[in-house]
Amino acid sequence: MSRQYPKAEYLNQILGKTISGVVIKEHLTDSLRSQVFHIFSDNTHFEFYSGDEIVPIKGIRYCGMDWVTDFEQDKIVYQSTYP
């Protein structure tokens, strides 16, 4: 039986983009939820949530690393940038 991923079509938006950074965050008030952000060279990012499964979120957002790392309610557990 195949699983349905209703937001999987958003993944097409990242094809051809160049990753310039990655951030992994844990939400401080909900330890069951983590987020992975792929930051792209055009100052956009794409976000995945994880809990019971990994889920892509609503597509490309037009803000980069500064926006992703600027939330006090989240704990950054990994951050890396690429030249």
C-alpha atoms as a PDB file:
ATOM      1  CA  MET A   1       0.000   0.000   0.000  1.00  0.00           C
ATOM      2  CA  SER A   2       1.534   3.332  -1.009  1.00  0.00           C
ATOM      3  CA  ARG A   3       1.383   6.323   1.311  1.00  0.00           C
ATOM      4  CA  GLN A   4      -0.032   9.638   0.180  1.00  0.00           C
ATOM      5  CA  TYR A   5       1.999  12.803   0.718  1.00  0.00           C
ATOM      6  CA  PRO A   6      -0.325  15.702  -0.099  1.00  0.00           C
ATOM      7  CA  LYS A   7       2.424  18.340   0.097  1.00  0.00           C
ATOM      8  CA  ALA A   8       4.994  16.410  -1.962  1.00  0.00           C
ATOM      9  CA  GLU A   9       4.268  18.525  -5.057  1.00  0.00           C
ATOM     10  CA  TYR A  10       6.033  21.414  -3.301  1.00  0.00           C
ATOM     11  CA  LEU A  11       9.318  19.517  -3.658  1.00  0.00           C
ATOM     12  CA  ASN A  12       9.385  20.368  -7.381  1.00  0.00           C
ATOM     13  CA  GLN A  13      10.047  23.986  -6.385  1.00  0.00           C
ATOM     14  CA  ILE A  14      13.550  23.158  -5.157  1.00  0.00           C
ATOM     15  CA  LEU A  15      14.763  21.403  -8.298  1.00  0.00           C
ATOM     16  CA  GLY A  16      17.767  23.192  -9.791  1.00  0.00           C
ATOM     17  CA  LYS A  17      18.386  25.400  -6.731  1.00  0.00           C
ATOM     18  CA  THR A  18      21.816  25.587  -5.094  1.00  0.00           C
ATOM     19  CA  ILE A  19      21.927  24.859  -1.359  1.00  0.00           C
ATOM     20  CA  SER A  20      23.990  27.440   0.526  1.00  0.00           C
ATOM     21  CA  GLY A  21      23.125  26.353   4.070  1.00  0.00           C
ATOM     22  CA  VAL A  22      21.271  23.934   6.301  1.00  0.00           C
ATOM     23  CA  VAL A  23      19.689  24.546   9.724  1.00  0.00           C
ATOM     24  CA  ILE A  24      18.137  21.945  12.022  1.00  0.00           C
ATOM     25  CA  LYS A  25      15.966  23.242  14.853  1.00  0.00           C
ATOM     26  CA  GLU A  26      13.993  21.774  17.725  1.00  0.00           C
ATOM     27  CA  HIS A  27      10.941  23.580  19.018  1.00  0.00           C
ATOM     28  CA  LEU A  28      11.491  24.285  22.716  1.00  0.00           C
ATOM     29  CA  THR A  29       7.836  23.871  23.734  1.00  0.00           C
ATOM     30  CA  ASP A  30       7.250  20.714  21.680  1.00  0.00           C
ATOM     31  CA  SER A  31      10.223  18.330  21.744  1.00  0.00           C
ATOM     32  CA  LEU A  32       8.479  15.969  19.322  1.00  0.00           C
ATOM     33  CA  ARG A  33       8.756  18.483  16.494  1.00  0.00           C
ATOM     34  CA  SER A  34      11.953  19.286  14.650  1.00  0.00           C
ATOM     35  CA  GLN A  35      12.545  21.323  11.522  1.00  0.00           C
ATOM     36  CA  VAL A  36      15.131  21.093   8.750  1.00  0.00           C
ATOM     37  CA  PHE A  37      15.673  24.168   6.591  1.00  0.00           C
ATOM     38  CA  HIS A  38      17.511  24.137   3.279  1.00  0.00           C
ATOM     39  CA  ILE A  39      18.738  27.667   2.544  1.00  0.00           C
ATOM     40  CA  PHE A  40      19.348  28.425  -1.142  1.00  0.00           C
ATOM     41  CA  SER A  41      21.786  30.788  -2.840  1.00  0.00           C
ATOM     42  CA  ASP A  42      18.929  33.024  -4.070  1.00  0.00           C
ATOM     43  CA  ASN A  43      18.000  33.873  -0.428  1.00  0.00           C
ATOM     44  CA  THR A  44      15.022  31.507  -0.303  1.00  0.00           C
ATOM     45  CA  HIS A  45      14.487  28.492   1.927  1.00  0.00           C
ATOM     46  CA  PHE A  46      12.479  25.282   2.044  1.00  0.00           C
ATOM     47  CA  GLU A  47      11.344  23.745   5.306  1.00  0.00           C
ATOM     48  CA  PHE A  48      10.619  20.196   6.416  1.00  0.00           C
ATOM     49  CA  TYR A  49       8.924  19.286   9.713  1.00  0.00           C
ATOM     50  CA  SER A  50       9.504  15.998  11.406  1.00  0.00           C
ATOM     51  CA  GLY A  51       7.570  14.187  14.052  1.00  0.00           C
ATOM     52  CA  ASP A  52       6.111  10.835  13.182  1.00  0.00           C
ATOM     53  CA  GLU A  53       7.141  11.440   9.560  1.00  0.00           C
ATOM     54  CA  ILE A  54       9.016  14.051   7.528  1.00  0.00           C
ATOM     55  CA  VAL A  55       6.676  16.554   5.859  1.00  0.00           C
ATOM     56  CA  PRO A  56       7.532  19.343   3.399  1.00  0.00           C
ATOM     57  CA  ILE A  57       5.880  22.652   4.281  1.00  0.00           C
ATOM     58  CA  LYS A  58       4.016  24.960   1.882  1.00  0.00           C
ATOM     59  CA  GLY A  59       6.825  25.464  -0.604  1.00  0.00           C
ATOM     60  CA  ILE A  60       9.605  27.972  -1.117  1.00  0.00           C
ATOM     61  CA  ARG A  61       9.712  30.988   1.172  1.00  0.00           C
ATOM     62  CA  TYR A  62      11.437  34.172   0.120  1.00  0.00           C
ATOM     63  CA  CYS A  63      13.683  34.775   3.109  1.00  0.00           C
ATOM     64  CA  GLY A  64      17.084  33.326   3.885  1.00  0.00           C
ATOM     65  CA  MET A  65      19.384  32.363   6.739  1.00  0.00           C
ATOM     66  CA  ASP A  66      18.781  35.458   8.923  1.00  0.00           C
ATOM     67  CA  TRP A  67      15.035  34.836   9.004  1.00  0.00           C
ATOM     68  CA  VAL A  68      15.417  31.104   9.681  1.00  0.00           C
ATOM     69  CA  THR A  69      17.760  31.600  12.644  1.00  0.00           C
ATOM     70  CA  ASP A  70      15.837  34.512  14.242  1.00  0.00           C
ATOM     71  CA  PHE A  71      13.304  32.689  16.455  1.00  0.00           C
ATOM     72  CA  GLU A  72      13.850  32.618  20.210  1.00  0.00           C
ATOM     73  CA  GLN A  73      11.333  29.809  20.793  1.00  0.00           C
ATOM     74  CA  ASP A  74      13.459  27.400  18.719  1.00  0.00           C
ATOM     75  CA  LYS A  75      16.778  25.762  19.577  1.00  0.00           C
ATOM     76  CA  ILE A  76      19.257  25.489  16.710  1.00  0.00           C
ATOM     77  CA  VAL A  77      20.919  22.076  16.988  1.00  0.00           C
ATOM     78  CA  TYR A  78      22.864  22.267  13.707  1.00  0.00           C
ATOM     79  CA  GLN A  79      23.778  25.087  11.354  1.00  0.00           C
ATOM     80  CA  SER A  80      26.131  25.077   8.390  1.00  0.00           C
ATOM     81  CA  THR A  81      26.733  27.323   5.407  1.00  0.00           C
ATOM     82  CA  TYR A  82      28.485  26.568   2.159  1.00  0.00           C
ATOM     83  CA  PRO A  83      30.581  28.945   0.075  1.00  0.00           C
END
